[in-house]
Amino acid sequence: MSLQPAADVPLLITSSNSSSERRISPSWTIAHLKARLEPITGVPAGSQQLTLRVGSQDAVAITSSNEEQTQLSAFSLQPYAEISVLDTRPPGARTDYSDLSSVEKYIMPAAEYETRTDSVLAWKKSQKLGRFDPNAPTIEQQKILAYEREIEERGLTLSSRVRLLPESDARRGTVSYLGLVPEIPGLGAWVGITLDEPTGKNDGSVKGKRYFECGNNYGVFVRPERCEVGDFPALDLGDEDLEEL
């Protein structure tokens, strides 16, 4: 009659750094189990204190005066019981595996990433997406389109009555020009306004090029987001200088 070795038992191994299910052989010694648990938990075998908990029963220490010879079959290894691994080292000597601040991280050089064929960048290139779309508008074109949408969304049209924003400005006037003004730095459309009072910066012209007719200092060019359309009566207001030319 031959003796069959005891079957492996699935157990839950827990520690402060990990939790996993492992199959344990009752024929292993305590010392062998600790050696197997070291790479799993990160706790050196000599610093491990093991306990076994079966169901709701109190935890039992897995220990012996001779751990090199004592087999785990001496303990009640039932399927899915829990073996807890306590690190007996002083806190300062333990490794905190959750702290990644000091872990050296690899950053692939941009030139190398550009040559890879299994990257998101390579996929975008093959699908002609984003900046690789030959029909996609340039950044400059996108800015121009954004201002044009802003003009449309705000209901700005020639002869519209507007109030300048923010409300602390409060100057009012009539829209006299909508469009590009190359003489002013910045892409996109501008709104030329004939103010009700001479609190502007020009007479409807910029650097000698005229865009609309108005009296001296009655003209101002602002971005669409600074305009609020409405039935605003004329007011006598003071001079302000807020992001305008």
C-alpha atoms as a PDB file:
ATOM      1  CA  MET A   1       0.000   0.000   0.000  1.00  0.00           C
ATOM      2  CA  SER A   2       1.551   3.287  -1.125  1.00  0.00           C
ATOM      3  CA  LEU A   3       1.069   6.582   0.688  1.00  0.00           C
ATOM      4  CA  GLN A   4      -0.256   9.455  -1.424  1.00  0.00           C
ATOM      5  CA  PRO A   5       1.126  12.942  -0.665  1.00  0.00           C
ATOM      6  CA  ALA A   6      -1.395  15.398   0.811  1.00  0.00           C
ATOM      7  CA  ALA A   7      -3.074  17.551  -1.780  1.00  0.00           C
ATOM      8  CA  ASP A   8      -2.277  21.245  -1.990  1.00  0.00           C
ATOM      9  CA  VAL A   9      -4.646  23.536  -0.110  1.00  0.00           C
ATOM     10  CA  PRO A  10      -5.804  26.917  -1.491  1.00  0.00           C
ATOM     11  CA  LEU A  11      -5.171  29.577   1.154  1.00  0.00           C
ATOM     12  CA  LEU A  12      -5.485  33.360   1.321  1.00  0.00           C
ATOM     13  CA  ILE A  13      -2.151  35.050   2.082  1.00  0.00           C
ATOM     14  CA  THR A  14      -2.387  38.593   3.474  1.00  0.00           C
ATOM     15  CA  SER A  15       0.163  41.176   4.581  1.00  0.00           C
ATOM     16  CA  SER A  16       0.361  44.945   4.855  1.00  0.00           C
ATOM     17  CA  ASN A  17       1.610  45.079   1.237  1.00  0.00           C
ATOM     18  CA  SER A  18      -0.358  42.358  -0.546  1.00  0.00           C
ATOM     19  CA  SER A  19      -3.244  39.932  -0.599  1.00  0.00           C
ATOM     20  CA  SER A  20      -3.419  36.884  -2.840  1.00  0.00           C
ATOM     21  CA  GLU A  21      -4.630  33.315  -3.090  1.00  0.00           C
ATOM     22  CA  ARG A  22      -1.938  30.629  -3.058  1.00  0.00           C
ATOM     23  CA  ARG A  23      -1.851  26.842  -3.066  1.00  0.00           C
ATOM     24  CA  ILE A  24       0.121  25.519  -0.103  1.00  0.00           C
ATOM     25  CA  SER A  25       1.379  21.963   0.388  1.00  0.00           C
ATOM     26  CA  PRO A  26       0.888  20.539   3.901  1.00  0.00           C
ATOM     27  CA  SER A  27       4.200  18.733   3.428  1.00  0.00           C
ATOM     28  CA  TRP A  28       6.107  22.024   3.422  1.00  0.00           C
ATOM     29  CA  THR A  29       7.965  22.996   6.561  1.00  0.00           C
ATOM     30  CA  ILE A  30       7.315  26.365   8.239  1.00  0.00           C
ATOM     31  CA  ALA A  31      10.754  27.528   7.137  1.00  0.00           C
ATOM     32  CA  HIS A  32      10.025  26.557   3.528  1.00  0.00           C
ATOM     33  CA  LEU A  33       6.676  28.398   3.616  1.00  0.00           C
ATOM     34  CA  LYS A  34       8.350  31.562   4.902  1.00  0.00           C
ATOM     35  CA  ALA A  35      10.944  31.363   2.141  1.00  0.00           C
ATOM     36  CA  ARG A  36       8.148  31.076  -0.430  1.00  0.00           C
ATOM     37  CA  LEU A  37       6.268  34.012   1.114  1.00  0.00           C
ATOM     38  CA  GLU A  38       9.255  36.391   1.106  1.00  0.00           C
ATOM     39  CA  PRO A  39       9.058  37.360  -2.610  1.00  0.00           C
ATOM     40  CA  ILE A  40       5.252  37.542  -2.365  1.00  0.00           C
ATOM     41  CA  THR A  41       5.003  39.823   0.670  1.00  0.00           C
ATOM     42  CA  GLY A  42       8.412  41.539   0.630  1.00  0.00           C
ATOM     43  CA  VAL A  43       8.959  40.529   4.262  1.00  0.00           C
ATOM     44  CA  PRO A  44      12.233  38.652   4.941  1.00  0.00           C
ATOM     45  CA  ALA A  45      11.686  35.102   6.169  1.00  0.00           C
ATOM     46  CA  GLY A  46      13.447  35.859   9.462  1.00  0.00           C
ATOM     47  CA  SER A  47      11.093  38.771  10.136  1.00  0.00           C
ATOM     48  CA  GLN A  48       7.825  36.965   9.423  1.00  0.00           C
ATOM     49  CA  GLN A  49       5.310  36.186  12.147  1.00  0.00           C
ATOM     50  CA  LEU A  50       2.614  33.868  10.746  1.00  0.00           C
ATOM     51  CA  THR A  51      -0.909  33.268  12.006  1.00  0.00           C
ATOM     52  CA  LEU A  52      -3.641  30.995  10.652  1.00  0.00           C
ATOM     53  CA  ARG A  53      -7.328  31.872  10.852  1.00  0.00           C
ATOM     54  CA  VAL A  54     -10.018  29.384   9.877  1.00  0.00           C
ATOM     55  CA  GLY A  55     -13.430  30.966   9.394  1.00  0.00           C
ATOM     56  CA  SER A  56     -14.511  32.900  12.482  1.00  0.00           C
ATOM     57  CA  GLN A  57     -12.155  31.041  14.800  1.00  0.00           C
ATOM     58  CA  ASP A  58      -9.367  32.800  16.648  1.00  0.00           C
ATOM     59  CA  ALA A  59      -6.069  33.075  14.815  1.00  0.00           C
ATOM     60  CA  VAL A  60      -3.459  30.445  15.667  1.00  0.00           C
ATOM     61  CA  ALA A  61       0.277  31.133  15.482  1.00  0.00           C
ATOM     62  CA  ILE A  62       2.197  29.073  12.931  1.00  0.00           C
ATOM     63  CA  THR A  63       5.403  28.609  14.858  1.00  0.00           C
ATOM     64  CA  SER A  64       7.653  25.931  16.252  1.00  0.00           C
ATOM     65  CA  SER A  65      10.915  25.594  18.080  1.00  0.00           C
ATOM     66  CA  ASN A  66      12.228  23.809  15.000  1.00  0.00           C
ATOM     67  CA  GLU A  67      10.693  25.438  11.913  1.00  0.00           C
ATOM     68  CA  GLU A  68      13.106  23.603   9.602  1.00  0.00           C
ATOM     69  CA  GLN A  69      11.508  20.286  10.547  1.00  0.00           C
ATOM     70  CA  THR A  70       7.909  21.121  11.486  1.00  0.00           C
ATOM     71  CA  GLN A  71       5.515  20.542   8.588  1.00  0.00           C
ATOM     72  CA  LEU A  72       2.386  22.562   7.932  1.00  0.00           C
ATOM     73  CA  SER A  73       0.333  19.380   8.249  1.00  0.00           C
ATOM     74  CA  ALA A  74       0.628  19.948  11.998  1.00  0.00           C
ATOM     75  CA  PHE A  75      -1.810  22.837  11.592  1.00  0.00           C
ATOM     76  CA  SER A  76      -5.441  22.879  10.467  1.00  0.00           C
ATOM     77  CA  LEU A  77      -4.978  23.891   6.838  1.00  0.00           C
ATOM     78  CA  GLN A  78      -8.507  24.126   5.509  1.00  0.00           C
ATOM     79  CA  PRO A  79      -9.357  25.463   2.039  1.00  0.00           C
ATOM     80  CA  TYR A  80      -9.497  29.258   1.889  1.00  0.00           C
ATOM     81  CA  ALA A  81      -8.315  29.752   5.432  1.00  0.00           C
ATOM     82  CA  GLU A  82      -6.210  32.885   5.929  1.00  0.00           C
ATOM     83  CA  ILE A  83      -2.514  33.062   6.681  1.00  0.00           C
ATOM     84  CA  SER A  84      -1.479  36.528   7.848  1.00  0.00           C
ATOM     85  CA  VAL A  85       2.131  37.656   7.557  1.00  0.00           C
ATOM     86  CA  LEU A  86       3.213  40.223  10.159  1.00  0.00           C
ATOM     87  CA  ASP A  87       6.446  42.141   9.605  1.00  0.00           C
ATOM     88  CA  THR A  88       8.323  42.239  12.904  1.00  0.00           C
ATOM     89  CA  ARG A  89      10.960  44.707  11.733  1.00  0.00           C
ATOM     90  CA  PRO A  90      10.954  48.252  13.159  1.00  0.00           C
ATOM     91  CA  PRO A  91       8.812  50.589  10.993  1.00  0.00           C
ATOM     92  CA  GLY A  92      11.874  52.485   9.824  1.00  0.00           C
ATOM     93  CA  ALA A  93      13.412  49.305   8.436  1.00  0.00           C
ATOM     94  CA  ARG A  94      10.392  48.298   6.376  1.00  0.00           C
ATOM     95  CA  THR A  95       9.955  49.048   2.703  1.00  0.00           C
ATOM     96  CA  ASP A  96       6.863  51.070   1.817  1.00  0.00           C
ATOM     97  CA  TYR A  97       5.846  49.601  -1.532  1.00  0.00           C
ATOM     98  CA  SER A  98       3.016  52.130  -1.904  1.00  0.00           C
ATOM     99  CA  ASP A  99       5.449  55.092  -1.975  1.00  0.00           C
ATOM    100  CA  LEU A 100       6.556  55.527  -5.582  1.00  0.00           C
ATOM    101  CA  SER A 101       8.127  58.971  -5.175  1.00  0.00           C
ATOM    102  CA  SER A 102      11.672  57.617  -5.086  1.00  0.00           C
ATOM    103  CA  VAL A 103      11.193  54.991  -7.790  1.00  0.00           C
ATOM    104  CA  GLU A 104      13.207  55.785 -10.893  1.00  0.00           C
ATOM    105  CA  LYS A 105      10.886  56.042 -13.873  1.00  0.00           C
ATOM    106  CA  TYR A 106      11.765  55.368 -17.472  1.00  0.00           C
ATOM    107  CA  ILE A 107      10.908  58.080 -19.978  1.00  0.00           C
ATOM    108  CA  MET A 108      11.233  57.053 -23.592  1.00  0.00           C
ATOM    109  CA  PRO A 109      13.088  59.615 -25.731  1.00  0.00           C
ATOM    110  CA  ALA A 110      10.783  61.365 -28.187  1.00  0.00           C
ATOM    111  CA  ALA A 111      12.928  60.313 -31.158  1.00  0.00           C
ATOM    112  CA  GLU A 112      12.630  56.654 -30.180  1.00  0.00           C
ATOM    113  CA  TYR A 113       8.882  56.934 -29.626  1.00  0.00           C
ATOM    114  CA  GLU A 114       8.479  58.440 -33.088  1.00  0.00           C
ATOM    115  CA  THR A 115      10.019  55.326 -34.658  1.00  0.00           C
ATOM    116  CA  ARG A 116       7.810  52.778 -32.891  1.00  0.00           C
ATOM    117  CA  THR A 117       5.101  51.054 -34.889  1.00  0.00           C
ATOM    118  CA  ASP A 118       3.041  49.826 -31.903  1.00  0.00           C
ATOM    119  CA  SER A 119       2.267  53.206 -30.301  1.00  0.00           C
ATOM    120  CA  VAL A 120      -0.785  55.432 -30.169  1.00  0.00           C
ATOM    121  CA  LEU A 121       1.158  57.944 -32.228  1.00  0.00           C
ATOM    122  CA  ALA A 122       1.726  55.371 -34.987  1.00  0.00           C
ATOM    123  CA  TRP A 123      -1.977  54.487 -34.930  1.00  0.00           C
ATOM    124  CA  LYS A 124      -2.977  58.157 -35.269  1.00  0.00           C
ATOM    125  CA  LYS A 125      -0.604  58.516 -38.202  1.00  0.00           C
ATOM    126  CA  SER A 126      -2.026  55.447 -39.961  1.00  0.00           C
ATOM    127  CA  GLN A 127      -5.605  56.610 -39.363  1.00  0.00           C
ATOM    128  CA  LYS A 128      -4.785  60.243 -40.269  1.00  0.00           C
ATOM    129  CA  LEU A 129      -6.277  61.562 -37.034  1.00  0.00           C
ATOM    130  CA  GLY A 130      -5.721  64.863 -35.244  1.00  0.00           C
ATOM    131  CA  ARG A 131      -2.725  66.785 -36.537  1.00  0.00           C
ATOM    132  CA  PHE A 132      -2.083  64.026 -39.078  1.00  0.00           C
ATOM    133  CA  ASP A 133      -5.371  64.718 -40.857  1.00  0.00           C
ATOM    134  CA  PRO A 134      -4.390  66.548 -44.069  1.00  0.00           C
ATOM    135  CA  ASN A 135      -7.795  68.253 -44.071  1.00  0.00           C
ATOM    136  CA  ALA A 136      -7.683  69.370 -40.430  1.00  0.00           C
ATOM    137  CA  PRO A 137      -7.537  73.148 -39.874  1.00  0.00           C
ATOM    138  CA  THR A 138      -4.287  74.617 -38.605  1.00  0.00           C
ATOM    139  CA  ILE A 139      -4.049  76.131 -35.126  1.00  0.00           C
ATOM    140  CA  GLU A 140      -4.335  79.579 -36.680  1.00  0.00           C
ATOM    141  CA  GLN A 141      -7.441  78.555 -38.603  1.00  0.00           C
ATOM    142  CA  GLN A 142      -8.961  77.067 -35.457  1.00  0.00           C
ATOM    143  CA  LYS A 143      -8.490  80.347 -33.600  1.00  0.00           C
ATOM    144  CA  ILE A 144     -10.114  82.285 -36.421  1.00  0.00           C
ATOM    145  CA  LEU A 145     -13.059  79.875 -36.497  1.00  0.00           C
ATOM    146  CA  ALA A 146     -13.431  80.135 -32.715  1.00  0.00           C
ATOM    147  CA  TYR A 147     -13.813  83.923 -32.883  1.00  0.00           C
ATOM    148  CA  GLU A 148     -16.250  83.626 -35.773  1.00  0.00           C
ATOM    149  CA  ARG A 149     -18.388  81.220 -33.732  1.00  0.00           C
ATOM    150  CA  GLU A 150     -18.229  83.629 -30.798  1.00  0.00           C
ATOM    151  CA  ILE A 151     -19.553  86.447 -33.002  1.00  0.00           C
ATOM    152  CA  GLU A 152     -22.408  84.252 -34.204  1.00  0.00           C
ATOM    153  CA  GLU A 153     -23.284  82.910 -30.748  1.00  0.00           C
ATOM    154  CA  ARG A 154     -23.394  86.402 -29.245  1.00  0.00           C
ATOM    155  CA  GLY A 155     -25.653  87.665 -32.035  1.00  0.00           C
ATOM    156  CA  LEU A 156     -23.238  90.384 -33.115  1.00  0.00           C
ATOM    157  CA  THR A 157     -24.163  92.081 -36.391  1.00  0.00           C
ATOM    158  CA  LEU A 158     -23.416  95.434 -37.948  1.00  0.00           C
ATOM    159  CA  SER A 159     -25.420  98.230 -36.281  1.00  0.00           C
ATOM    160  CA  SER A 160     -26.044  96.093 -33.156  1.00  0.00           C
ATOM    161  CA  ARG A 161     -26.162  98.036 -29.923  1.00  0.00           C
ATOM    162  CA  VAL A 162     -23.640  96.645 -27.429  1.00  0.00           C
ATOM    163  CA  ARG A 163     -22.344  97.153 -23.943  1.00  0.00           C
ATOM    164  CA  LEU A 164     -18.695  96.407 -23.241  1.00  0.00           C
ATOM    165  CA  LEU A 165     -17.779  93.779 -20.688  1.00  0.00           C
ATOM    166  CA  PRO A 166     -16.946  93.434 -17.903  1.00  0.00           C
ATOM    167  CA  GLU A 167     -19.865  95.335 -16.436  1.00  0.00           C
ATOM    168  CA  SER A 168     -17.442  97.589 -14.571  1.00  0.00           C
ATOM    169  CA  ASP A 169     -16.526  99.046 -17.994  1.00  0.00           C
ATOM    170  CA  ALA A 170     -20.147  99.826 -18.956  1.00  0.00           C
ATOM    171  CA  ARG A 171     -19.309 101.789 -22.123  1.00  0.00           C
ATOM    172  CA  ARG A 172     -21.897 101.499 -24.877  1.00  0.00           C
ATOM    173  CA  GLY A 173     -21.882 101.882 -28.601  1.00  0.00           C
ATOM    174  CA  THR A 174     -22.804 100.519 -32.020  1.00  0.00           C
ATOM    175  CA  VAL A 175     -21.073  97.739 -33.928  1.00  0.00           C
ATOM    176  CA  SER A 176     -19.505  99.296 -37.020  1.00  0.00           C
ATOM    177  CA  TYR A 177     -17.114  96.540 -38.159  1.00  0.00           C
ATOM    178  CA  LEU A 178     -16.773  92.758 -37.866  1.00  0.00           C
ATOM    179  CA  GLY A 179     -13.746  90.924 -39.212  1.00  0.00           C
ATOM    180  CA  LEU A 180      -9.981  90.613 -39.320  1.00  0.00           C
ATOM    181  CA  VAL A 181      -7.657  93.466 -38.436  1.00  0.00           C
ATOM    182  CA  PRO A 182      -4.136  92.412 -39.478  1.00  0.00           C
ATOM    183  CA  GLU A 183      -2.627  95.547 -37.962  1.00  0.00           C
ATOM    184  CA  ILE A 184      -3.578  94.340 -34.453  1.00  0.00           C
ATOM    185  CA  PRO A 185      -1.464  91.497 -32.988  1.00  0.00           C
ATOM    186  CA  GLY A 186      -3.402  88.278 -32.541  1.00  0.00           C
ATOM    187  CA  LEU A 187      -5.384  86.007 -34.834  1.00  0.00           C
ATOM    188  CA  GLY A 188      -9.127  86.015 -35.377  1.00  0.00           C
ATOM    189  CA  ALA A 189     -11.949  88.462 -35.827  1.00  0.00           C
ATOM    190  CA  TRP A 190     -12.341  91.793 -34.049  1.00  0.00           C
ATOM    191  CA  VAL A 191     -15.392  93.921 -33.341  1.00  0.00           C
ATOM    192  CA  GLY A 192     -15.094  97.604 -34.270  1.00  0.00           C
ATOM    193  CA  ILE A 193     -17.394  99.756 -32.177  1.00  0.00           C
ATOM    194  CA  THR A 194     -18.436 103.397 -32.466  1.00  0.00           C
ATOM    195  CA  LEU A 195     -18.769 104.438 -28.831  1.00  0.00           C
ATOM    196  CA  ASP A 196     -21.444 106.818 -27.612  1.00  0.00           C
ATOM    197  CA  GLU A 197     -18.809 108.942 -25.867  1.00  0.00           C
ATOM    198  CA  PRO A 198     -15.220 109.853 -26.904  1.00  0.00           C
ATOM    199  CA  THR A 199     -13.659 107.266 -24.582  1.00  0.00           C
ATOM    200  CA  GLY A 200     -12.082 105.070 -27.259  1.00  0.00           C
ATOM    201  CA  LYS A 201      -8.614 104.824 -28.772  1.00  0.00           C
ATOM    202  CA  ASN A 202      -9.023 105.692 -32.440  1.00  0.00           C
ATOM    203  CA  ASP A 203     -11.280 107.052 -35.157  1.00  0.00           C
ATOM    204  CA  GLY A 204     -12.098 103.683 -36.741  1.00  0.00           C
ATOM    205  CA  SER A 205      -8.643 103.269 -38.277  1.00  0.00           C
ATOM    206  CA  VAL A 206      -5.557 101.301 -37.215  1.00  0.00           C
ATOM    207  CA  LYS A 207      -2.077 102.313 -38.327  1.00  0.00           C
ATOM    208  CA  GLY A 208      -3.474 104.403 -41.162  1.00  0.00           C
ATOM    209  CA  LYS A 209      -5.948 101.802 -42.475  1.00  0.00           C
ATOM    210  CA  ARG A 210      -9.608 102.732 -42.023  1.00  0.00           C
ATOM    211  CA  TYR A 211     -12.179 100.114 -41.088  1.00  0.00           C
ATOM    212  CA  PHE A 212     -15.146 102.358 -40.256  1.00  0.00           C
ATOM    213  CA  GLU A 213     -15.981 106.041 -39.894  1.00  0.00           C
ATOM    214  CA  CYS A 214     -16.339 107.721 -36.494  1.00  0.00           C
ATOM    215  CA  GLY A 215     -15.109 110.755 -34.623  1.00  0.00           C
ATOM    216  CA  ASN A 216     -11.706 110.952 -32.992  1.00  0.00           C
ATOM    217  CA  ASN A 217     -11.510 108.734 -29.881  1.00  0.00           C
ATOM    218  CA  TYR A 218     -14.994 107.323 -30.564  1.00  0.00           C
ATOM    219  CA  GLY A 219     -13.595 104.107 -32.075  1.00  0.00           C
ATOM    220  CA  VAL A 220     -12.466 100.944 -30.334  1.00  0.00           C
ATOM    221  CA  PHE A 221     -11.658  97.361 -31.422  1.00  0.00           C
ATOM    222  CA  VAL A 222     -12.406  94.550 -28.974  1.00  0.00           C
ATOM    223  CA  ARG A 223     -12.757  90.783 -29.029  1.00  0.00           C
ATOM    224  CA  PRO A 224     -16.271  89.315 -29.407  1.00  0.00           C
ATOM    225  CA  GLU A 225     -16.373  88.011 -25.822  1.00  0.00           C
ATOM    226  CA  ARG A 226     -16.230  91.593 -24.557  1.00  0.00           C
ATOM    227  CA  CYS A 227     -19.526  92.510 -26.237  1.00  0.00           C
ATOM    228  CA  GLU A 228     -23.066  92.121 -24.900  1.00  0.00           C
ATOM    229  CA  VAL A 229     -25.829  92.760 -27.416  1.00  0.00           C
ATOM    230  CA  GLY A 230     -28.931  94.606 -26.200  1.00  0.00           C
ATOM    231  CA  ASP A 231     -31.135  97.698 -26.410  1.00  0.00           C
ATOM    232  CA  PHE A 232     -28.717  99.950 -24.565  1.00  0.00           C
ATOM    233  CA  PRO A 233     -29.348 103.724 -24.464  1.00  0.00           C
ATOM    234  CA  ALA A 234     -26.386 106.103 -24.692  1.00  0.00           C
ATOM    235  CA  LEU A 235     -24.560 106.945 -21.456  1.00  0.00           C
ATOM    236  CA  ASP A 236     -22.020 109.600 -20.561  1.00  0.00           C
ATOM    237  CA  LEU A 237     -19.151 107.506 -19.133  1.00  0.00           C
ATOM    238  CA  GLY A 238     -15.491 107.982 -18.302  1.00  0.00           C
ATOM    239  CA  ASP A 239     -12.461 106.587 -20.137  1.00  0.00           C
ATOM    240  CA  GLU A 240     -11.349 102.999 -19.524  1.00  0.00           C
ATOM    241  CA  ASP A 241      -8.531 100.990 -21.082  1.00  0.00           C
ATOM    242  CA  LEU A 242      -9.300  97.257 -20.956  1.00  0.00           C
ATOM    243  CA  GLU A 243      -7.642  94.967 -23.515  1.00  0.00           C
ATOM    244  CA  GLU A 244      -8.350  97.203 -26.473  1.00  0.00           C
ATOM    245  CA  LEU A 245      -6.684  99.204 -29.197  1.00  0.00           C
END
